[in-house]
Amino acid sequence: MSYILPSICILFIALTHMASAITLEEGMADKTKYIFYDTSSFNPGIHAGLALLITFGILGTFTSTVMIVTKALEKRRKRRTRTMSH
């Protein structure tokens, strides 16, 4: 029990010494070291087109799959016909 508090304190001190931060100005001064993402301009037309292709592709695939399964199940089901005996 007596070792818990000192262990927590040592862990806290170790973690706070490992953490460091830089400002935006420092990061922009050395972009190759600190910036790990694409900085090219954003084109909303390309992204909208890709989103539409993906959305309608998924919708078409889902609809086609449901139709194929429905047709396959219809053929396997044997329908009973009523006979009129008057």
PDB file of N, CA and C in Angstrom:
ATOM      1  N   MET A   1       0.813  -1.194   0.000  1.00  0.00           N
ATOM      2  CA  MET A   1       0.000   0.000   0.000  1.00  0.00           C
ATOM      3  C   MET A   1       0.859   1.260   0.000  1.00  0.00           C
ATOM      4  N   SER A   2       1.988   1.190   0.666  1.00  0.00           N
ATOM      5  CA  SER A   2       2.815   2.390   0.788  1.00  0.00           C
ATOM      6  C   SER A   2       3.580   2.690  -0.494  1.00  0.00           C
ATOM      7  N   TYR A   3       3.600   1.743  -1.449  1.00  0.00           N
ATOM      8  CA  TYR A   3       4.329   1.964  -2.693  1.00  0.00           C
ATOM      9  C   TYR A   3       3.456   2.533  -3.812  1.00  0.00           C
ATOM     10  N   ILE A   4       2.162   2.602  -3.596  1.00  0.00           N
ATOM     11  CA  ILE A   4       1.257   3.039  -4.663  1.00  0.00           C
ATOM     12  C   ILE A   4       1.429   4.522  -4.972  1.00  0.00           C
ATOM     13  N   LEU A   5       1.407   5.372  -3.962  1.00  0.00           N
ATOM     14  CA  LEU A   5       1.507   6.815  -4.192  1.00  0.00           C
ATOM     15  C   LEU A   5       2.847   7.207  -4.799  1.00  0.00           C
ATOM     16  N   PRO A   6       3.982   6.719  -4.282  1.00  0.00           N
ATOM     17  CA  PRO A   6       5.246   7.075  -4.946  1.00  0.00           C
ATOM     18  C   PRO A   6       5.327   6.561  -6.384  1.00  0.00           C
ATOM     19  N   SER A   7       4.746   5.401  -6.642  1.00  0.00           N
ATOM     20  CA  SER A   7       4.762   4.863  -8.004  1.00  0.00           C
ATOM     21  C   SER A   7       3.960   5.753  -8.945  1.00  0.00           C
ATOM     22  N   ILE A   8       2.819   6.234  -8.479  1.00  0.00           N
ATOM     23  CA  ILE A   8       1.999   7.133  -9.290  1.00  0.00           C
ATOM     24  C   ILE A   8       2.738   8.434  -9.546  1.00  0.00           C
ATOM     25  N   CYS A   9       3.404   8.968  -8.534  1.00  0.00           N
ATOM     26  CA  CYS A   9       4.161  10.215  -8.697  1.00  0.00           C
ATOM     27  C   CYS A   9       5.301  10.042  -9.695  1.00  0.00           C
ATOM     28  N   ILE A  10       6.025   8.943  -9.601  1.00  0.00           N
ATOM     29  CA  ILE A  10       7.134   8.698 -10.531  1.00  0.00           C
ATOM     30  C   ILE A  10       6.607   8.535 -11.956  1.00  0.00           C
ATOM     31  N   LEU A  11       5.506   7.829 -12.115  1.00  0.00           N
ATOM     32  CA  LEU A  11       4.902   7.662 -13.433  1.00  0.00           C
ATOM     33  C   LEU A  11       4.451   9.001 -14.000  1.00  0.00           C
ATOM     34  N   PHE A  12       3.837   9.831 -13.191  1.00  0.00           N
ATOM     35  CA  PHE A  12       3.384  11.154 -13.623  1.00  0.00           C
ATOM     36  C   PHE A  12       4.562  12.015 -14.058  1.00  0.00           C
ATOM     37  N   ILE A  13       5.625  12.013 -13.280  1.00  0.00           N
ATOM     38  CA  ILE A  13       6.807  12.813 -13.618  1.00  0.00           C
ATOM     39  C   ILE A  13       7.437  12.313 -14.917  1.00  0.00           C
ATOM     40  N   ALA A  14       7.509  11.003 -15.076  1.00  0.00           N
ATOM     41  CA  ALA A  14       8.096  10.442 -16.295  1.00  0.00           C
ATOM     42  C   ALA A  14       7.271  10.810 -17.523  1.00  0.00           C
ATOM     43  N   LEU A  15       5.956  10.760 -17.403  1.00  0.00           N
ATOM     44  CA  LEU A  15       5.102  11.077 -18.546  1.00  0.00           C
ATOM     45  C   LEU A  15       5.121  12.563 -18.882  1.00  0.00           C
ATOM     46  N   THR A  16       5.200  13.423 -17.878  1.00  0.00           N
ATOM     47  CA  THR A  16       5.215  14.860 -18.162  1.00  0.00           C
ATOM     48  C   THR A  16       6.527  15.291 -18.788  1.00  0.00           C
ATOM     49  N   HIS A  17       7.609  14.615 -18.490  1.00  0.00           N
ATOM     50  CA  HIS A  17       8.877  14.970 -19.118  1.00  0.00           C
ATOM     51  C   HIS A  17       8.940  14.488 -20.562  1.00  0.00           C
ATOM     52  N   MET A  18       8.209  13.446 -20.888  1.00  0.00           N
ATOM     53  CA  MET A  18       8.214  12.932 -22.255  1.00  0.00           C
ATOM     54  C   MET A  18       7.348  13.780 -23.177  1.00  0.00           C
ATOM     55  N   ALA A  19       6.352  14.441 -22.645  1.00  0.00           N
ATOM     56  CA  ALA A  19       5.443  15.223 -23.474  1.00  0.00           C
ATOM     57  C   ALA A  19       6.068  16.572 -23.797  1.00  0.00           C
ATOM     58  N   SER A  20       5.951  16.975 -25.052  1.00  0.00           N
ATOM     59  CA  SER A  20       6.432  18.291 -25.457  1.00  0.00           C
ATOM     60  C   SER A  20       5.528  18.790 -26.572  1.00  0.00           C
ATOM     61  N   ALA A  21       5.544  20.080 -26.795  1.00  0.00           N
ATOM     62  CA  ALA A  21       4.683  20.660 -27.818  1.00  0.00           C
ATOM     63  C   ALA A  21       5.425  21.778 -28.531  1.00  0.00           C
ATOM     64  N   ILE A  22       4.949  22.088 -29.737  1.00  0.00           N
ATOM     65  CA  ILE A  22       5.507  23.208 -30.483  1.00  0.00           C
ATOM     66  C   ILE A  22       4.362  24.125 -30.880  1.00  0.00           C
ATOM     67  N   THR A  23       4.693  25.343 -31.197  1.00  0.00           N
ATOM     68  CA  THR A  23       3.673  26.293 -31.632  1.00  0.00           C
ATOM     69  C   THR A  23       3.464  26.151 -33.140  1.00  0.00           C
ATOM     70  N   LEU A  24       2.431  26.796 -33.639  1.00  0.00           N
ATOM     71  CA  LEU A  24       2.144  26.750 -35.068  1.00  0.00           C
ATOM     72  C   LEU A  24       3.270  27.387 -35.874  1.00  0.00           C
ATOM     73  N   GLU A  25       3.811  28.466 -35.372  1.00  0.00           N
ATOM     74  CA  GLU A  25       4.899  29.142 -36.079  1.00  0.00           C
ATOM     75  C   GLU A  25       6.132  28.245 -36.174  1.00  0.00           C
ATOM     76  N   GLU A  26       6.437  27.527 -35.099  1.00  0.00           N
ATOM     77  CA  GLU A  26       7.579  26.612 -35.122  1.00  0.00           C
ATOM     78  C   GLU A  26       7.338  25.464 -36.102  1.00  0.00           C
ATOM     79  N   GLY A  27       6.126  24.984 -36.136  1.00  0.00           N
ATOM     80  CA  GLY A  27       5.799  23.900 -37.054  1.00  0.00           C
ATOM     81  C   GLY A  27       5.846  24.331 -38.504  1.00  0.00           C
ATOM     82  N   MET A  28       5.359  25.532 -38.803  1.00  0.00           N
ATOM     83  CA  MET A  28       5.364  26.023 -40.175  1.00  0.00           C
ATOM     84  C   MET A  28       6.771  26.385 -40.642  1.00  0.00           C
ATOM     85  N   ALA A  29       7.659  26.688 -39.705  1.00  0.00           N
ATOM     86  CA  ALA A  29       9.030  27.025 -40.084  1.00  0.00           C
ATOM     87  C   ALA A  29       9.763  25.805 -40.642  1.00  0.00           C
ATOM     88  N   ASP A  30       9.499  24.624 -40.111  1.00  0.00           N
ATOM     89  CA  ASP A  30      10.141  23.395 -40.582  1.00  0.00           C
ATOM     90  C   ASP A  30       9.052  22.394 -40.976  1.00  0.00           C
ATOM     91  N   LYS A  31       8.458  22.606 -42.158  1.00  0.00           N
ATOM     92  CA  LYS A  31       7.303  21.812 -42.589  1.00  0.00           C
ATOM     93  C   LYS A  31       7.636  20.344 -42.806  1.00  0.00           C
ATOM     94  N   THR A  32       8.821  20.049 -43.302  1.00  0.00           N
ATOM     95  CA  THR A  32       9.157  18.649 -43.583  1.00  0.00           C
ATOM     96  C   THR A  32       9.274  17.832 -42.305  1.00  0.00           C
ATOM     97  N   LYS A  33       9.569  18.469 -41.211  1.00  0.00           N
ATOM     98  CA  LYS A  33       9.728  17.747 -39.948  1.00  0.00           C
ATOM     99  C   LYS A  33       8.407  17.561 -39.214  1.00  0.00           C
ATOM    100  N   TYR A  34       7.507  18.554 -39.310  1.00  0.00           N
ATOM    101  CA  TYR A  34       6.317  18.541 -38.461  1.00  0.00           C
ATOM    102  C   TYR A  34       4.997  18.314 -39.188  1.00  0.00           C
ATOM    103  N   ILE A  35       4.920  18.548 -40.495  1.00  0.00           N
ATOM    104  CA  ILE A  35       3.641  18.420 -41.199  1.00  0.00           C
ATOM    105  C   ILE A  35       3.644  17.110 -41.976  1.00  0.00           C
ATOM    106  N   PHE A  36       2.714  16.207 -41.609  1.00  0.00           N
ATOM    107  CA  PHE A  36       2.670  14.868 -42.186  1.00  0.00           C
ATOM    108  C   PHE A  36       1.440  14.644 -43.057  1.00  0.00           C
ATOM    109  N   TYR A  37       0.751  15.675 -43.475  1.00  0.00           N
ATOM    110  CA  TYR A  37      -0.454  15.516 -44.280  1.00  0.00           C
ATOM    111  C   TYR A  37      -0.295  16.273 -45.593  1.00  0.00           C
ATOM    112  N   ASP A  38      -1.193  16.010 -46.515  1.00  0.00           N
ATOM    113  CA  ASP A  38      -1.153  16.635 -47.831  1.00  0.00           C
ATOM    114  C   ASP A  38      -1.611  18.080 -47.713  1.00  0.00           C
ATOM    115  N   THR A  39      -0.801  19.005 -48.172  1.00  0.00           N
ATOM    116  CA  THR A  39      -1.145  20.427 -48.056  1.00  0.00           C
ATOM    117  C   THR A  39      -1.656  21.007 -49.374  1.00  0.00           C
ATOM    118  N   SER A  40      -1.960  20.152 -50.356  1.00  0.00           N
ATOM    119  CA  SER A  40      -2.477  20.661 -51.621  1.00  0.00           C
ATOM    120  C   SER A  40      -3.904  21.178 -51.430  1.00  0.00           C
ATOM    121  N   SER A  41      -4.352  21.977 -52.401  1.00  0.00           N
ATOM    122  CA  SER A  41      -5.678  22.591 -52.277  1.00  0.00           C
ATOM    123  C   SER A  41      -6.778  21.532 -52.383  1.00  0.00           C
ATOM    124  N   PHE A  42      -7.893  21.787 -51.736  1.00  0.00           N
ATOM    125  CA  PHE A  42      -9.031  20.872 -51.691  1.00  0.00           C
ATOM    126  C   PHE A  42      -9.954  21.183 -52.853  1.00  0.00           C
ATOM    127  N   ASN A  43     -10.290  20.180 -53.654  1.00  0.00           N
ATOM    128  CA  ASN A  43     -11.185  20.359 -54.789  1.00  0.00           C
ATOM    129  C   ASN A  43     -12.518  19.691 -54.470  1.00  0.00           C
ATOM    130  N   PRO A  44     -13.551  20.481 -54.157  1.00  0.00           N
ATOM    131  CA  PRO A  44     -14.837  19.876 -53.777  1.00  0.00           C
ATOM    132  C   PRO A  44     -15.526  19.131 -54.916  1.00  0.00           C
ATOM    133  N   GLY A  45     -15.284  19.512 -56.164  1.00  0.00           N
ATOM    134  CA  GLY A  45     -15.917  18.831 -57.294  1.00  0.00           C
ATOM    135  C   GLY A  45     -15.466  17.386 -57.419  1.00  0.00           C
ATOM    136  N   ILE A  46     -14.177  17.165 -57.267  1.00  0.00           N
ATOM    137  CA  ILE A  46     -13.651  15.795 -57.352  1.00  0.00           C
ATOM    138  C   ILE A  46     -14.200  14.947 -56.213  1.00  0.00           C
ATOM    139  N   HIS A  47     -14.222  15.502 -55.022  1.00  0.00           N
ATOM    140  CA  HIS A  47     -14.711  14.743 -53.874  1.00  0.00           C
ATOM    141  C   HIS A  47     -16.211  14.479 -53.965  1.00  0.00           C
ATOM    142  N   ALA A  48     -16.962  15.440 -54.492  1.00  0.00           N
ATOM    143  CA  ALA A  48     -18.402  15.221 -54.674  1.00  0.00           C
ATOM    144  C   ALA A  48     -18.644  14.128 -55.716  1.00  0.00           C
ATOM    145  N   GLY A  49     -17.879  14.149 -56.800  1.00  0.00           N
ATOM    146  CA  GLY A  49     -18.016  13.113 -57.819  1.00  0.00           C
ATOM    147  C   GLY A  49     -17.674  11.732 -57.288  1.00  0.00           C
ATOM    148  N   LEU A  50     -16.591  11.636 -56.523  1.00  0.00           N
ATOM    149  CA  LEU A  50     -16.226  10.349 -55.927  1.00  0.00           C
ATOM    150  C   LEU A  50     -17.290   9.868 -54.951  1.00  0.00           C
ATOM    151  N   ALA A  51     -17.831  10.792 -54.165  1.00  0.00           N
ATOM    152  CA  ALA A  51     -18.878  10.415 -53.206  1.00  0.00           C
ATOM    153  C   ALA A  51     -20.120   9.908 -53.931  1.00  0.00           C
ATOM    154  N   LEU A  52     -20.490  10.563 -55.033  1.00  0.00           N
ATOM    155  CA  LEU A  52     -21.651  10.107 -55.803  1.00  0.00           C
ATOM    156  C   LEU A  52     -21.407   8.733 -56.420  1.00  0.00           C
ATOM    157  N   LEU A  53     -20.218   8.521 -56.967  1.00  0.00           N
ATOM    158  CA  LEU A  53     -19.905   7.210 -57.548  1.00  0.00           C
ATOM    159  C   LEU A  53     -19.966   6.111 -56.501  1.00  0.00           C
ATOM    160  N   ILE A  54     -19.394   6.365 -55.356  1.00  0.00           N
ATOM    161  CA  ILE A  54     -19.398   5.358 -54.291  1.00  0.00           C
ATOM    162  C   ILE A  54     -20.819   5.105 -53.800  1.00  0.00           C
ATOM    163  N   THR A  55     -21.581   6.189 -53.581  1.00  0.00           N
ATOM    164  CA  THR A  55     -22.947   6.052 -53.070  1.00  0.00           C
ATOM    165  C   THR A  55     -23.828   5.265 -54.038  1.00  0.00           C
ATOM    166  N   PHE A  56     -23.819   5.655 -55.312  1.00  0.00           N
ATOM    167  CA  PHE A  56     -24.668   4.962 -56.273  1.00  0.00           C
ATOM    168  C   PHE A  56     -24.145   3.569 -56.597  1.00  0.00           C
ATOM    169  N   GLY A  57     -22.847   3.359 -56.471  1.00  0.00           N
ATOM    170  CA  GLY A  57     -22.301   2.012 -56.636  1.00  0.00           C
ATOM    171  C   GLY A  57     -22.798   1.074 -55.554  1.00  0.00           C
ATOM    172  N   ILE A  58     -22.774   1.546 -54.320  1.00  0.00           N
ATOM    173  CA  ILE A  58     -23.279   0.737 -53.204  1.00  0.00           C
ATOM    174  C   ILE A  58     -24.779   0.506 -53.355  1.00  0.00           C
ATOM    175  N   LEU A  59     -25.517   1.554 -53.706  1.00  0.00           N
ATOM    176  CA  LEU A  59     -26.964   1.427 -53.885  1.00  0.00           C
ATOM    177  C   LEU A  59     -27.304   0.438 -55.003  1.00  0.00           C
ATOM    178  N   GLY A  60     -26.604   0.528 -56.126  1.00  0.00           N
ATOM    179  CA  GLY A  60     -26.851  -0.388 -57.235  1.00  0.00           C
ATOM    180  C   GLY A  60     -26.510  -1.823 -56.886  1.00  0.00           C
ATOM    181  N   THR A  61     -25.399  -2.012 -56.187  1.00  0.00           N
ATOM    182  CA  THR A  61     -25.008  -3.363 -55.777  1.00  0.00           C
ATOM    183  C   THR A  61     -26.020  -3.958 -54.815  1.00  0.00           C
ATOM    184  N   PHE A  62     -26.459  -3.173 -53.849  1.00  0.00           N
ATOM    185  CA  PHE A  62     -27.440  -3.653 -52.871  1.00  0.00           C
ATOM    186  C   PHE A  62     -28.757  -4.002 -53.548  1.00  0.00           C
ATOM    187  N   THR A  63     -29.235  -3.110 -54.414  1.00  0.00           N
ATOM    188  CA  THR A  63     -30.505  -3.348 -55.098  1.00  0.00           C
ATOM    189  C   THR A  63     -30.426  -4.584 -55.996  1.00  0.00           C
ATOM    190  N   SER A  64     -29.339  -4.709 -56.731  1.00  0.00           N
ATOM    191  CA  SER A  64     -29.171  -5.884 -57.600  1.00  0.00           C
ATOM    192  C   SER A  64     -29.122  -7.171 -56.793  1.00  0.00           C
ATOM    193  N   THR A  65     -28.434  -7.144 -55.668  1.00  0.00           N
ATOM    194  CA  THR A  65     -28.346  -8.334 -54.821  1.00  0.00           C
ATOM    195  C   THR A  65     -29.716  -8.732 -54.296  1.00  0.00           C
ATOM    196  N   VAL A  66     -30.500  -7.764 -53.843  1.00  0.00           N
ATOM    197  CA  VAL A  66     -31.848  -8.058 -53.342  1.00  0.00           C
ATOM    198  C   VAL A  66     -32.712  -8.625 -54.458  1.00  0.00           C
ATOM    199  N   MET A  67     -32.619  -8.061 -55.657  1.00  0.00           N
ATOM    200  CA  MET A  67     -33.417  -8.562 -56.772  1.00  0.00           C
ATOM    201  C   MET A  67     -33.025  -9.985 -57.150  1.00  0.00           C
ATOM    202  N   ILE A  68     -31.734 -10.278 -57.184  1.00  0.00           N
ATOM    203  CA  ILE A  68     -31.271 -11.626 -57.539  1.00  0.00           C
ATOM    204  C   ILE A  68     -31.722 -12.646 -56.504  1.00  0.00           C
ATOM    205  N   VAL A  69     -31.602 -12.299 -55.233  1.00  0.00           N
ATOM    206  CA  VAL A  69     -32.026 -13.218 -54.170  1.00  0.00           C
ATOM    207  C   VAL A  69     -33.529 -13.441 -54.236  1.00  0.00           C
ATOM    208  N   THR A  70     -34.291 -12.380 -54.478  1.00  0.00           N
ATOM    209  CA  THR A  70     -35.746 -12.507 -54.573  1.00  0.00           C
ATOM    210  C   THR A  70     -36.139 -13.412 -55.738  1.00  0.00           C
ATOM    211  N   LYS A  71     -35.519 -13.228 -56.891  1.00  0.00           N
ATOM    212  CA  LYS A  71     -35.824 -14.075 -58.049  1.00  0.00           C
ATOM    213  C   LYS A  71     -35.454 -15.529 -57.779  1.00  0.00           C
ATOM    214  N   ALA A  72     -34.319 -15.744 -57.127  1.00  0.00           N
ATOM    215  CA  ALA A  72     -33.891 -17.119 -56.834  1.00  0.00           C
ATOM    216  C   ALA A  72     -34.847 -17.792 -55.864  1.00  0.00           C
ATOM    217  N   LEU A  73     -35.340 -17.061 -54.879  1.00  0.00           N
ATOM    218  CA  LEU A  73     -36.269 -17.643 -53.913  1.00  0.00           C
ATOM    219  C   LEU A  73     -37.642 -17.880 -54.525  1.00  0.00           C
ATOM    220  N   GLU A  74     -38.048 -17.049 -55.475  1.00  0.00           N
ATOM    221  CA  GLU A  74     -39.336 -17.252 -56.141  1.00  0.00           C
ATOM    222  C   GLU A  74     -39.333 -18.539 -56.953  1.00  0.00           C
ATOM    223  N   LYS A  75     -38.248 -18.842 -57.612  1.00  0.00           N
ATOM    224  CA  LYS A  75     -38.179 -20.040 -58.448  1.00  0.00           C
ATOM    225  C   LYS A  75     -38.163 -21.309 -57.606  1.00  0.00           C
ATOM    226  N   ARG A  76     -37.608 -21.239 -56.419  1.00  0.00           N
ATOM    227  CA  ARG A  76     -37.517 -22.425 -55.570  1.00  0.00           C
ATOM    228  C   ARG A  76     -38.823 -22.728 -54.857  1.00  0.00           C
ATOM    229  N   ARG A  77     -39.664 -21.731 -54.657  1.00  0.00           N
ATOM    230  CA  ARG A  77     -40.918 -21.932 -53.939  1.00  0.00           C
ATOM    231  C   ARG A  77     -41.939 -22.589 -54.852  1.00  0.00           C
ATOM    232  N   LYS A  78     -42.539 -23.630 -54.381  1.00  0.00           N
ATOM    233  CA  LYS A  78     -43.573 -24.303 -55.163  1.00  0.00           C
ATOM    234  C   LYS A  78     -44.920 -23.713 -54.780  1.00  0.00           C
ATOM    235  N   ARG A  79     -45.585 -23.219 -55.761  1.00  0.00           N
ATOM    236  CA  ARG A  79     -46.884 -22.611 -55.500  1.00  0.00           C
ATOM    237  C   ARG A  79     -47.974 -23.657 -55.633  1.00  0.00           C
ATOM    238  N   ARG A  80     -48.923 -23.577 -54.745  1.00  0.00           N
ATOM    239  CA  ARG A  80     -50.079 -24.475 -54.808  1.00  0.00           C
ATOM    240  C   ARG A  80     -51.201 -23.764 -55.547  1.00  0.00           C
ATOM    241  N   THR A  81     -51.784 -24.463 -56.449  1.00  0.00           N
ATOM    242  CA  THR A  81     -52.900 -23.871 -57.186  1.00  0.00           C
ATOM    243  C   THR A  81     -54.199 -24.476 -56.682  1.00  0.00           C
ATOM    244  N   ARG A  82     -55.185 -23.656 -56.583  1.00  0.00           N
ATOM    245  CA  ARG A  82     -56.496 -24.131 -56.136  1.00  0.00           C
ATOM    246  C   ARG A  82     -57.232 -24.775 -57.297  1.00  0.00           C
ATOM    247  N   THR A  83     -57.873 -25.840 -57.001  1.00  0.00           N
ATOM    248  CA  THR A  83     -58.717 -26.467 -58.021  1.00  0.00           C
ATOM    249  C   THR A  83     -60.167 -26.203 -57.653  1.00  0.00           C
ATOM    250  N   MET A  84     -60.874 -25.759 -58.612  1.00  0.00           N
ATOM    251  CA  MET A  84     -62.282 -25.456 -58.383  1.00  0.00           C
ATOM    252  C   MET A  84     -63.094 -26.724 -58.642  1.00  0.00           C
ATOM    253  N   SER A  85     -63.711 -27.256 -57.648  1.00  0.00           N
ATOM    254  CA  SER A  85     -64.535 -28.460 -57.833  1.00  0.00           C
ATOM    255  C   SER A  85     -65.977 -28.121 -57.479  1.00  0.00           C
ATOM    256  N   HIS A  86     -66.714 -27.675 -58.440  1.00  0.00           N
ATOM    257  CA  HIS A  86     -68.132 -27.348 -58.231  1.00  0.00           C
ATOM    258  C   HIS A  86     -68.991 -28.381 -58.825  1.00  0.00           C
TER     259      HIS A  86
END
